[in-house]
Amino acid sequence: MTDDKWEIVLDRIQSQFQVIKHGEEAIADVPNGKLEFIIFDSPMGKLRLERATKPKVLDRKSFGGSKYGVATSVEYIYSDTEITHTFSAFKEVDGEWEPFNAEGLTN
């Protein structure tokens, strides 16, 4: 989701629904990664929309043993210039956030 489309979605939500919380968090273990979110009341109940922005993964290196039960670690190589954006939507059900398809909210 582009920056412009995300701003349009935020503007529409803020004008049509009661916003409970709107903010931004850093993504752990991802350089320059951030998670923007908005939580609001809608006719469907309480919803949370998220947009993760992080550098593109260029390579993944695994370290460690190949035997069962041996600990391994993974190192990611991130791009300095390319950025990816991912969009997720969640609905609150019994106090838990469950993913749902939010195509209608983003068009």
PDB file of N, CA and C in Angstrom:
ATOM      1  N   MET A   1       0.847  -1.170   0.000  1.00  0.00           N
ATOM      2  CA  MET A   1       0.000   0.000   0.000  1.00  0.00           C
ATOM      3  C   MET A   1       0.895   1.236   0.000  1.00  0.00           C
ATOM      4  N   THR A   2       0.649   2.129  -0.935  1.00  0.00           N
ATOM      5  CA  THR A   2       1.466   3.334  -1.069  1.00  0.00           C
ATOM      6  C   THR A   2       1.186   4.315   0.069  1.00  0.00           C
ATOM      7  N   ASP A   3       2.078   5.280   0.232  1.00  0.00           N
ATOM      8  CA  ASP A   3       1.895   6.312   1.251  1.00  0.00           C
ATOM      9  C   ASP A   3       0.595   7.079   1.025  1.00  0.00           C
ATOM     10  N   ASP A   4       0.328   7.443  -0.237  1.00  0.00           N
ATOM     11  CA  ASP A   4      -0.876   8.210  -0.549  1.00  0.00           C
ATOM     12  C   ASP A   4      -2.149   7.437  -0.224  1.00  0.00           C
ATOM     13  N   LYS A   5      -2.185   6.165  -0.583  1.00  0.00           N
ATOM     14  CA  LYS A   5      -3.377   5.346  -0.318  1.00  0.00           C
ATOM     15  C   LYS A   5      -3.576   5.158   1.180  1.00  0.00           C
ATOM     16  N   TRP A   6      -2.499   4.953   1.928  1.00  0.00           N
ATOM     17  CA  TRP A   6      -2.603   4.819   3.383  1.00  0.00           C
ATOM     18  C   TRP A   6      -3.174   6.091   3.990  1.00  0.00           C
ATOM     19  N   GLU A   7      -2.711   7.248   3.536  1.00  0.00           N
ATOM     20  CA  GLU A   7      -3.234   8.526   4.042  1.00  0.00           C
ATOM     21  C   GLU A   7      -4.714   8.685   3.724  1.00  0.00           C
ATOM     22  N   ILE A   8      -5.138   8.257   2.548  1.00  0.00           N
ATOM     23  CA  ILE A   8      -6.556   8.329   2.173  1.00  0.00           C
ATOM     24  C   ILE A   8      -7.392   7.435   3.091  1.00  0.00           C
ATOM     25  N   VAL A   9      -6.903   6.220   3.358  1.00  0.00           N
ATOM     26  CA  VAL A   9      -7.607   5.301   4.251  1.00  0.00           C
ATOM     27  C   VAL A   9      -7.714   5.904   5.648  1.00  0.00           C
ATOM     28  N   LEU A  10      -6.622   6.468   6.158  1.00  0.00           N
ATOM     29  CA  LEU A  10      -6.649   7.090   7.487  1.00  0.00           C
ATOM     30  C   LEU A  10      -7.633   8.249   7.541  1.00  0.00           C
ATOM     31  N   ASP A  11      -7.614   9.105   6.522  1.00  0.00           N
ATOM     32  CA  ASP A  11      -8.535  10.247   6.489  1.00  0.00           C
ATOM     33  C   ASP A  11      -9.991   9.780   6.484  1.00  0.00           C
ATOM     34  N   ARG A  12     -10.283   8.753   5.687  1.00  0.00           N
ATOM     35  CA  ARG A  12     -11.656   8.242   5.605  1.00  0.00           C
ATOM     36  C   ARG A  12     -12.102   7.671   6.950  1.00  0.00           C
ATOM     37  N   ILE A  13     -11.220   6.915   7.584  1.00  0.00           N
ATOM     38  CA  ILE A  13     -11.564   6.322   8.887  1.00  0.00           C
ATOM     39  C   ILE A  13     -11.783   7.408   9.930  1.00  0.00           C
ATOM     40  N   GLN A  14     -10.902   8.400   9.969  1.00  0.00           N
ATOM     41  CA  GLN A  14     -11.013   9.456  10.971  1.00  0.00           C
ATOM     42  C   GLN A  14     -12.258  10.311  10.776  1.00  0.00           C
ATOM     43  N   SER A  15     -12.736  10.426   9.542  1.00  0.00           N
ATOM     44  CA  SER A  15     -13.926  11.234   9.305  1.00  0.00           C
ATOM     45  C   SER A  15     -15.228  10.446   9.498  1.00  0.00           C
ATOM     46  N   GLN A  16     -15.185   9.108   9.389  1.00  0.00           N
ATOM     47  CA  GLN A  16     -16.408   8.310   9.452  1.00  0.00           C
ATOM     48  C   GLN A  16     -16.585   7.528  10.747  1.00  0.00           C
ATOM     49  N   PHE A  17     -15.502   7.281  11.495  1.00  0.00           N
ATOM     50  CA  PHE A  17     -15.586   6.425  12.673  1.00  0.00           C
ATOM     51  C   PHE A  17     -14.909   7.081  13.873  1.00  0.00           C
ATOM     52  N   GLN A  18     -15.220   6.529  15.051  1.00  0.00           N
ATOM     53  CA  GLN A  18     -14.571   7.012  16.271  1.00  0.00           C
ATOM     54  C   GLN A  18     -13.234   6.296  16.427  1.00  0.00           C
ATOM     55  N   VAL A  19     -12.152   7.069  16.391  1.00  0.00           N
ATOM     56  CA  VAL A  19     -10.809   6.512  16.526  1.00  0.00           C
ATOM     57  C   VAL A  19     -10.496   6.319  18.003  1.00  0.00           C
ATOM     58  N   ILE A  20     -10.072   5.103  18.349  1.00  0.00           N
ATOM     59  CA  ILE A  20      -9.709   4.775  19.733  1.00  0.00           C
ATOM     60  C   ILE A  20      -8.230   5.061  19.961  1.00  0.00           C
ATOM     61  N   LYS A  21      -7.400   4.625  19.020  1.00  0.00           N
ATOM     62  CA  LYS A  21      -5.955   4.831  19.147  1.00  0.00           C
ATOM     63  C   LYS A  21      -5.330   4.865  17.759  1.00  0.00           C
ATOM     64  N   HIS A  22      -4.356   5.738  17.600  1.00  0.00           N
ATOM     65  CA  HIS A  22      -3.640   5.871  16.333  1.00  0.00           C
ATOM     66  C   HIS A  22      -2.180   6.123  16.685  1.00  0.00           C
ATOM     67  N   GLY A  23      -1.267   5.337  16.104  1.00  0.00           N
ATOM     68  CA  GLY A  23       0.125   5.530  16.465  1.00  0.00           C
ATOM     69  C   GLY A  23       1.088   4.785  15.571  1.00  0.00           C
ATOM     70  N   GLU A  24       2.318   4.729  16.058  1.00  0.00           N
ATOM     71  CA  GLU A  24       3.417   4.118  15.315  1.00  0.00           C
ATOM     72  C   GLU A  24       4.349   3.435  16.307  1.00  0.00           C
ATOM     73  N   GLU A  25       4.839   2.245  15.923  1.00  0.00           N
ATOM     74  CA  GLU A  25       5.767   1.500  16.763  1.00  0.00           C
ATOM     75  C   GLU A  25       6.956   1.062  15.919  1.00  0.00           C
ATOM     76  N   ALA A  26       8.097   0.913  16.561  1.00  0.00           N
ATOM     77  CA  ALA A  26       9.270   0.366  15.865  1.00  0.00           C
ATOM     78  C   ALA A  26       9.108  -1.147  15.768  1.00  0.00           C
ATOM     79  N   ILE A  27       9.590  -1.731  14.668  1.00  0.00           N
ATOM     80  CA  ILE A  27       9.573  -3.184  14.507  1.00  0.00           C
ATOM     81  C   ILE A  27      10.904  -3.716  15.043  1.00  0.00           C
ATOM     82  N   ALA A  28      10.812  -4.595  16.028  1.00  0.00           N
ATOM     83  CA  ALA A  28      12.014  -5.139  16.660  1.00  0.00           C
ATOM     84  C   ALA A  28      12.855  -5.910  15.658  1.00  0.00           C
ATOM     85  N   ASP A  29      14.146  -5.774  15.754  1.00  0.00           N
ATOM     86  CA  ASP A  29      15.129  -6.506  14.941  1.00  0.00           C
ATOM     87  C   ASP A  29      15.086  -6.176  13.453  1.00  0.00           C
ATOM     88  N   VAL A  30      14.426  -5.092  13.069  1.00  0.00           N
ATOM     89  CA  VAL A  30      14.403  -4.662  11.661  1.00  0.00           C
ATOM     90  C   VAL A  30      14.874  -3.212  11.622  1.00  0.00           C
ATOM     91  N   PRO A  31      16.021  -2.942  11.001  1.00  0.00           N
ATOM     92  CA  PRO A  31      16.505  -1.554  10.947  1.00  0.00           C
ATOM     93  C   PRO A  31      15.545  -0.683  10.133  1.00  0.00           C
ATOM     94  N   ASN A  32      15.220   0.461  10.671  1.00  0.00           N
ATOM     95  CA  ASN A  32      14.312   1.425  10.035  1.00  0.00           C
ATOM     96  C   ASN A  32      12.926   0.864   9.795  1.00  0.00           C
ATOM     97  N   GLY A  33      12.532  -0.177  10.519  1.00  0.00           N
ATOM     98  CA  GLY A  33      11.194  -0.747  10.378  1.00  0.00           C
ATOM     99  C   GLY A  33      10.220  -0.061  11.301  1.00  0.00           C
ATOM    100  N   LYS A  34       9.011   0.201  10.804  1.00  0.00           N
ATOM    101  CA  LYS A  34       7.988   0.812  11.648  1.00  0.00           C
ATOM    102  C   LYS A  34       6.632   0.212  11.328  1.00  0.00           C
ATOM    103  N   LEU A  35       5.769   0.208  12.329  1.00  0.00           N
ATOM    104  CA  LEU A  35       4.419  -0.302  12.201  1.00  0.00           C
ATOM    105  C   LEU A  35       3.466   0.825  12.552  1.00  0.00           C
ATOM    106  N   GLU A  36       2.715   1.296  11.558  1.00  0.00           N
ATOM    107  CA  GLU A  36       1.698   2.312  11.783  1.00  0.00           C
ATOM    108  C   GLU A  36       0.373   1.585  11.988  1.00  0.00           C
ATOM    109  N   PHE A  37      -0.449   2.081  12.910  1.00  0.00           N
ATOM    110  CA  PHE A  37      -1.716   1.412  13.177  1.00  0.00           C
ATOM    111  C   PHE A  37      -2.791   2.414  13.552  1.00  0.00           C
ATOM    112  N   ILE A  38      -4.026   1.970  13.375  1.00  0.00           N
ATOM    113  CA  ILE A  38      -5.183   2.738  13.824  1.00  0.00           C
ATOM    114  C   ILE A  38      -6.220   1.746  14.325  1.00  0.00           C
ATOM    115  N   ILE A  39      -6.770   2.024  15.494  1.00  0.00           N
ATOM    116  CA  ILE A  39      -7.821   1.204  16.096  1.00  0.00           C
ATOM    117  C   ILE A  39      -9.067   2.065  16.173  1.00  0.00           C
ATOM    118  N   PHE A  40     -10.192   1.536  15.698  1.00  0.00           N
ATOM    119  CA  PHE A  40     -11.412   2.333  15.656  1.00  0.00           C
ATOM    120  C   PHE A  40     -12.652   1.457  15.803  1.00  0.00           C
ATOM    121  N   ASP A  41     -13.756   2.097  16.214  1.00  0.00           N
ATOM    122  CA  ASP A  41     -15.047   1.421  16.299  1.00  0.00           C
ATOM    123  C   ASP A  41     -15.755   1.562  14.970  1.00  0.00           C
ATOM    124  N   SER A  42     -16.307   0.444  14.477  1.00  0.00           N
ATOM    125  CA  SER A  42     -17.047   0.451  13.222  1.00  0.00           C
ATOM    126  C   SER A  42     -18.320  -0.364  13.422  1.00  0.00           C
ATOM    127  N   PRO A  43     -19.210  -0.384  12.428  1.00  0.00           N
ATOM    128  CA  PRO A  43     -20.395  -1.245  12.539  1.00  0.00           C
ATOM    129  C   PRO A  43     -20.042  -2.729  12.670  1.00  0.00           C
ATOM    130  N   MET A  44     -18.844  -3.128  12.252  1.00  0.00           N
ATOM    131  CA  MET A  44     -18.387  -4.518  12.376  1.00  0.00           C
ATOM    132  C   MET A  44     -17.797  -4.804  13.756  1.00  0.00           C
ATOM    133  N   GLY A  45     -17.639  -3.783  14.573  1.00  0.00           N
ATOM    134  CA  GLY A  45     -16.992  -3.921  15.878  1.00  0.00           C
ATOM    135  C   GLY A  45     -15.680  -3.156  15.889  1.00  0.00           C
ATOM    136  N   LYS A  46     -14.828  -3.478  16.844  1.00  0.00           N
ATOM    137  CA  LYS A  46     -13.539  -2.799  16.966  1.00  0.00           C
ATOM    138  C   LYS A  46     -12.563  -3.391  15.949  1.00  0.00           C
ATOM    139  N   LEU A  47     -11.966  -2.519  15.124  1.00  0.00           N
ATOM    140  CA  LEU A  47     -11.031  -2.945  14.085  1.00  0.00           C
ATOM    141  C   LEU A  47      -9.667  -2.309  14.291  1.00  0.00           C
ATOM    142  N   ARG A  48      -8.634  -3.005  13.809  1.00  0.00           N
ATOM    143  CA  ARG A  48      -7.258  -2.497  13.843  1.00  0.00           C
ATOM    144  C   ARG A  48      -6.664  -2.682  12.452  1.00  0.00           C
ATOM    145  N   LEU A  49      -6.211  -1.601  11.854  1.00  0.00           N
ATOM    146  CA  LEU A  49      -5.516  -1.648  10.575  1.00  0.00           C
ATOM    147  C   LEU A  49      -4.051  -1.343  10.825  1.00  0.00           C
ATOM    148  N   GLU A  50      -3.168  -2.103  10.172  1.00  0.00           N
ATOM    149  CA  GLU A  50      -1.727  -1.925  10.342  1.00  0.00           C
ATOM    150  C   GLU A  50      -1.054  -1.803   8.992  1.00  0.00           C
ATOM    151  N   ARG A  51      -0.030  -0.979   8.949  1.00  0.00           N
ATOM    152  CA  ARG A  51       0.813  -0.850   7.764  1.00  0.00           C
ATOM    153  C   ARG A  51       2.259  -0.924   8.226  1.00  0.00           C
ATOM    154  N   ALA A  52       2.939  -2.013   7.826  1.00  0.00           N
ATOM    155  CA  ALA A  52       4.343  -2.210   8.187  1.00  0.00           C
ATOM    156  C   ALA A  52       5.223  -1.686   7.058  1.00  0.00           C
ATOM    157  N   THR A  53       6.197  -0.883   7.410  1.00  0.00           N
ATOM    158  CA  THR A  53       7.152  -0.333   6.458  1.00  0.00           C
ATOM    159  C   THR A  53       8.541  -0.784   6.896  1.00  0.00           C
ATOM    160  N   LYS A  54       9.227  -1.488   5.991  1.00  0.00           N
ATOM    161  CA  LYS A  54      10.566  -1.978   6.337  1.00  0.00           C
ATOM    162  C   LYS A  54      11.402  -2.140   5.080  1.00  0.00           C
ATOM    163  N   PRO A  55      12.726  -2.194   5.247  1.00  0.00           N
ATOM    164  CA  PRO A  55      13.594  -2.380   4.087  1.00  0.00           C
ATOM    165  C   PRO A  55      13.359  -3.755   3.454  1.00  0.00           C
ATOM    166  N   LYS A  56      13.553  -3.826   2.153  1.00  0.00           N
ATOM    167  CA  LYS A  56      13.413  -5.089   1.423  1.00  0.00           C
ATOM    168  C   LYS A  56      14.525  -6.048   1.849  1.00  0.00           C
ATOM    169  N   VAL A  57      14.165  -7.317   2.038  1.00  0.00           N
ATOM    170  CA  VAL A  57      15.147  -8.345   2.386  1.00  0.00           C
ATOM    171  C   VAL A  57      15.854  -8.784   1.105  1.00  0.00           C
ATOM    172  N   LEU A  58      17.175  -8.619   1.082  1.00  0.00           N
ATOM    173  CA  LEU A  58      17.958  -8.996  -0.089  1.00  0.00           C
ATOM    174  C   LEU A  58      18.499 -10.418   0.009  1.00  0.00           C
ATOM    175  N   ASP A  59      18.821 -10.844   1.229  1.00  0.00           N
ATOM    176  CA  ASP A  59      19.404 -12.165   1.410  1.00  0.00           C
ATOM    177  C   ASP A  59      19.112 -12.656   2.818  1.00  0.00           C
ATOM    178  N   ARG A  60      19.120 -13.974   2.967  1.00  0.00           N
ATOM    179  CA  ARG A  60      18.890 -14.611   4.263  1.00  0.00           C
ATOM    180  C   ARG A  60      19.985 -15.646   4.456  1.00  0.00           C
ATOM    181  N   LYS A  61      20.722 -15.535   5.561  1.00  0.00           N
ATOM    182  CA  LYS A  61      21.810 -16.472   5.848  1.00  0.00           C
ATOM    183  C   LYS A  61      21.485 -17.227   7.131  1.00  0.00           C
ATOM    184  N   SER A  62      21.574 -18.554   7.062  1.00  0.00           N
ATOM    185  CA  SER A  62      21.336 -19.398   8.234  1.00  0.00           C
ATOM    186  C   SER A  62      22.667 -19.867   8.792  1.00  0.00           C
ATOM    187  N   PHE A  63      22.765 -19.887  10.115  1.00  0.00           N
ATOM    188  CA  PHE A  63      23.964 -20.337  10.804  1.00  0.00           C
ATOM    189  C   PHE A  63      23.580 -21.405  11.812  1.00  0.00           C
ATOM    190  N   GLY A  64      24.460 -22.362  12.026  1.00  0.00           N
ATOM    191  CA  GLY A  64      24.221 -23.366  13.048  1.00  0.00           C
ATOM    192  C   GLY A  64      24.296 -24.767  12.488  1.00  0.00           C
ATOM    193  N   GLY A  65      24.023 -25.725  13.354  1.00  0.00           N
ATOM    194  CA  GLY A  65      24.122 -27.132  12.993  1.00  0.00           C
ATOM    195  C   GLY A  65      22.921 -27.616  12.207  1.00  0.00           C
ATOM    196  N   SER A  66      23.088 -28.798  11.626  1.00  0.00           N
ATOM    197  CA  SER A  66      22.008 -29.391  10.855  1.00  0.00           C
ATOM    198  C   SER A  66      21.346 -30.540  11.591  1.00  0.00           C
ATOM    199  N   LYS A  67      21.821 -30.866  12.785  1.00  0.00           N
ATOM    200  CA  LYS A  67      21.240 -31.961  13.556  1.00  0.00           C
ATOM    201  C   LYS A  67      19.971 -31.494  14.245  1.00  0.00           C
ATOM    202  N   TYR A  68      19.076 -32.433  14.460  1.00  0.00           N
ATOM    203  CA  TYR A  68      17.814 -32.132  15.131  1.00  0.00           C
ATOM    204  C   TYR A  68      18.087 -31.599  16.545  1.00  0.00           C
ATOM    205  N   GLY A  69      17.450 -30.508  16.875  1.00  0.00           N
ATOM    206  CA  GLY A  69      17.578 -29.943  18.202  1.00  0.00           C
ATOM    207  C   GLY A  69      18.722 -28.967  18.374  1.00  0.00           C
ATOM    208  N   VAL A  70      19.559 -28.795  17.350  1.00  0.00           N
ATOM    209  CA  VAL A  70      20.668 -27.864  17.446  1.00  0.00           C
ATOM    210  C   VAL A  70      20.157 -26.468  17.093  1.00  0.00           C
ATOM    211  N   ALA A  71      20.503 -25.512  17.909  1.00  0.00           N
ATOM    212  CA  ALA A  71      20.036 -24.145  17.694  1.00  0.00           C
ATOM    213  C   ALA A  71      20.668 -23.552  16.435  1.00  0.00           C
ATOM    214  N   THR A  72      19.873 -22.808  15.710  1.00  0.00           N
ATOM    215  CA  THR A  72      20.365 -22.101  14.533  1.00  0.00           C
ATOM    216  C   THR A  72      19.968 -20.643  14.650  1.00  0.00           C
ATOM    217  N   SER A  73      20.620 -19.819  13.871  1.00  0.00           N
ATOM    218  CA  SER A  73      20.240 -18.412  13.824  1.00  0.00           C
ATOM    219  C   SER A  73      20.161 -17.989  12.368  1.00  0.00           C
ATOM    220  N   VAL A  74      19.410 -16.934  12.141  1.00  0.00           N
ATOM    221  CA  VAL A  74      19.216 -16.421  10.789  1.00  0.00           C
ATOM    222  C   VAL A  74      19.601 -14.951  10.784  1.00  0.00           C
ATOM    223  N   GLU A  75      20.364 -14.571   9.784  1.00  0.00           N
ATOM    224  CA  GLU A  75      20.752 -13.168   9.607  1.00  0.00           C
ATOM    225  C   GLU A  75      20.144 -12.689   8.289  1.00  0.00           C
ATOM    226  N   TYR A  76      19.467 -11.552   8.349  1.00  0.00           N
ATOM    227  CA  TYR A  76      18.865 -10.974   7.148  1.00  0.00           C
ATOM    228  C   TYR A  76      19.713  -9.814   6.653  1.00  0.00           C
ATOM    229  N   ILE A  77      19.878  -9.718   5.350  1.00  0.00           N
ATOM    230  CA  ILE A  77      20.565  -8.599   4.714  1.00  0.00           C
ATOM    231  C   ILE A  77      19.480  -7.718   4.100  1.00  0.00           C
ATOM    232  N   TYR A  78      19.422  -6.449   4.547  1.00  0.00           N
ATOM    233  CA  TYR A  78      18.381  -5.529   4.105  1.00  0.00           C
ATOM    234  C   TYR A  78      18.921  -4.529   3.089  1.00  0.00           C
ATOM    235  N   SER A  79      18.048  -4.079   2.206  1.00  0.00           N
ATOM    236  CA  SER A  79      18.390  -3.065   1.216  1.00  0.00           C
ATOM    237  C   SER A  79      18.515  -1.700   1.883  1.00  0.00           C
ATOM    238  N   ASP A  80      19.438  -0.894   1.378  1.00  0.00           N
ATOM    239  CA  ASP A  80      19.578   0.483   1.864  1.00  0.00           C
ATOM    240  C   ASP A  80      18.637   1.433   1.135  1.00  0.00           C
ATOM    241  N   THR A  81      18.114   1.008  -0.004  1.00  0.00           N
ATOM    242  CA  THR A  81      17.319   1.919  -0.841  1.00  0.00           C
ATOM    243  C   THR A  81      15.880   1.472  -1.068  1.00  0.00           C
ATOM    244  N   GLU A  82      15.615   0.160  -1.066  1.00  0.00           N
ATOM    245  CA  GLU A  82      14.270  -0.319  -1.365  1.00  0.00           C
ATOM    246  C   GLU A  82      13.470  -0.565  -0.086  1.00  0.00           C
ATOM    247  N   ILE A  83      12.207  -0.121  -0.109  1.00  0.00           N
ATOM    248  CA  ILE A  83      11.313  -0.227   1.038  1.00  0.00           C
ATOM    249  C   ILE A  83      10.089  -1.044   0.632  1.00  0.00           C
ATOM    250  N   THR A  84       9.582  -1.876   1.561  1.00  0.00           N
ATOM    251  CA  THR A  84       8.343  -2.612   1.316  1.00  0.00           C
ATOM    252  C   THR A  84       7.288  -2.165   2.317  1.00  0.00           C
ATOM    253  N   HIS A  85       6.044  -2.229   1.886  1.00  0.00           N
ATOM    254  CA  HIS A  85       4.902  -1.890   2.739  1.00  0.00           C
ATOM    255  C   HIS A  85       3.943  -3.069   2.718  1.00  0.00           C
ATOM    256  N   THR A  86       3.484  -3.494   3.878  1.00  0.00           N
ATOM    257  CA  THR A  86       2.477  -4.544   3.953  1.00  0.00           C
ATOM    258  C   THR A  86       1.306  -4.048   4.790  1.00  0.00           C
ATOM    259  N   PHE A  87       0.113  -4.433   4.385  1.00  0.00           N
ATOM    260  CA  PHE A  87      -1.116  -3.998   5.037  1.00  0.00           C
ATOM    261  C   PHE A  87      -1.801  -5.196   5.676  1.00  0.00           C
ATOM    262  N   SER A  88      -2.281  -5.028   6.907  1.00  0.00           N
ATOM    263  CA  SER A  88      -3.001  -6.083   7.618  1.00  0.00           C
ATOM    264  C   SER A  88      -4.206  -5.474   8.321  1.00  0.00           C
ATOM    265  N   ALA A  89      -5.259  -6.272   8.441  1.00  0.00           N
ATOM    266  CA  ALA A  89      -6.468  -5.827   9.130  1.00  0.00           C
ATOM    267  C   ALA A  89      -6.874  -6.886  10.147  1.00  0.00           C
ATOM    268  N   PHE A  90      -7.338  -6.422  11.306  1.00  0.00           N
ATOM    269  CA  PHE A  90      -7.727  -7.316  12.385  1.00  0.00           C
ATOM    270  C   PHE A  90      -9.043  -6.851  12.992  1.00  0.00           C
ATOM    271  N   LYS A  91      -9.836  -7.813  13.429  1.00  0.00           N
ATOM    272  CA  LYS A  91     -11.100  -7.545  14.105  1.00  0.00           C
ATOM    273  C   LYS A  91     -10.991  -8.123  15.511  1.00  0.00           C
ATOM    274  N   GLU A  92     -11.479  -7.382  16.495  1.00  0.00           N
ATOM    275  CA  GLU A  92     -11.428  -7.869  17.866  1.00  0.00           C
ATOM    276  C   GLU A  92     -12.576  -8.850  18.108  1.00  0.00           C
ATOM    277  N   VAL A  93     -12.208 -10.071  18.512  1.00  0.00           N
ATOM    278  CA  VAL A  93     -13.184 -11.113  18.835  1.00  0.00           C
ATOM    279  C   VAL A  93     -12.810 -11.676  20.204  1.00  0.00           C
ATOM    280  N   ASP A  94     -13.677 -11.480  21.171  1.00  0.00           N
ATOM    281  CA  ASP A  94     -13.444 -11.966  22.538  1.00  0.00           C
ATOM    282  C   ASP A  94     -12.105 -11.486  23.097  1.00  0.00           C
ATOM    283  N   GLY A  95     -11.762 -10.232  22.835  1.00  0.00           N
ATOM    284  CA  GLY A  95     -10.533  -9.654  23.367  1.00  0.00           C
ATOM    285  C   GLY A  95      -9.272 -10.004  22.600  1.00  0.00           C
ATOM    286  N   GLU A  96      -9.375 -10.759  21.515  1.00  0.00           N
ATOM    287  CA  GLU A  96      -8.224 -11.155  20.698  1.00  0.00           C
ATOM    288  C   GLU A  96      -8.357 -10.541  19.302  1.00  0.00           C
ATOM    289  N   TRP A  97      -7.229 -10.184  18.707  1.00  0.00           N
ATOM    290  CA  TRP A  97      -7.229  -9.645  17.345  1.00  0.00           C
ATOM    291  C   TRP A  97      -7.131 -10.783  16.344  1.00  0.00           C
ATOM    292  N   GLU A  98      -8.155 -10.924  15.496  1.00  0.00           N
ATOM    293  CA  GLU A  98      -8.179 -11.958  14.474  1.00  0.00           C
ATOM    294  C   GLU A  98      -8.102 -11.311  13.102  1.00  0.00           C
ATOM    295  N   PRO A  99      -7.238 -11.819  12.207  1.00  0.00           N
ATOM    296  CA  PRO A  99      -7.113 -11.233  10.866  1.00  0.00           C
ATOM    297  C   PRO A  99      -8.399 -11.406  10.061  1.00  0.00           C
ATOM    298  N   PHE A 100      -8.671 -10.430   9.188  1.00  0.00           N
ATOM    299  CA  PHE A 100      -9.787 -10.527   8.259  1.00  0.00           C
ATOM    300  C   PHE A 100      -9.440  -9.779   6.981  1.00  0.00           C
ATOM    301  N   ASN A 101     -10.194 -10.041   5.926  1.00  0.00           N
ATOM    302  CA  ASN A 101      -9.974  -9.402   4.630  1.00  0.00           C
ATOM    303  C   ASN A 101     -10.635  -8.029   4.638  1.00  0.00           C
ATOM    304  N   ALA A 102      -9.851  -6.977   4.449  1.00  0.00           N
ATOM    305  CA  ALA A 102     -10.355  -5.609   4.536  1.00  0.00           C
ATOM    306  C   ALA A 102     -10.364  -4.908   3.180  1.00  0.00           C
ATOM    307  N   GLU A 103     -10.594  -5.640   2.109  1.00  0.00           N
ATOM    308  CA  GLU A 103     -10.590  -5.035   0.777  1.00  0.00           C
ATOM    309  C   GLU A 103     -11.574  -3.870   0.673  1.00  0.00           C
ATOM    310  N   GLY A 104     -12.742  -4.015   1.273  1.00  0.00           N
ATOM    311  CA  GLY A 104     -13.758  -2.961   1.212  1.00  0.00           C
ATOM    312  C   GLY A 104     -13.341  -1.668   1.902  1.00  0.00           C
ATOM    313  N   LEU A 105     -12.470  -1.766   2.888  1.00  0.00           N
ATOM    314  CA  LEU A 105     -12.025  -0.575   3.613  1.00  0.00           C
ATOM    315  C   LEU A 105     -10.940   0.190   2.882  1.00  0.00           C
ATOM    316  N   THR A 106     -10.236  -0.468   1.992  1.00  0.00           N
ATOM    317  CA  THR A 106      -9.102   0.172   1.337  1.00  0.00           C
ATOM    318  C   THR A 106      -9.397   0.648  -0.079  1.00  0.00           C
ATOM    319  N   ASN A 107     -10.579   0.370  -0.586  1.00  0.00           N
ATOM    320  CA  ASN A 107     -10.925   0.808  -1.959  1.00  0.00           C
ATOM    321  C   ASN A 107     -11.508   2.186  -1.966  1.00  0.00           C
TER     322      ASN A 107
END
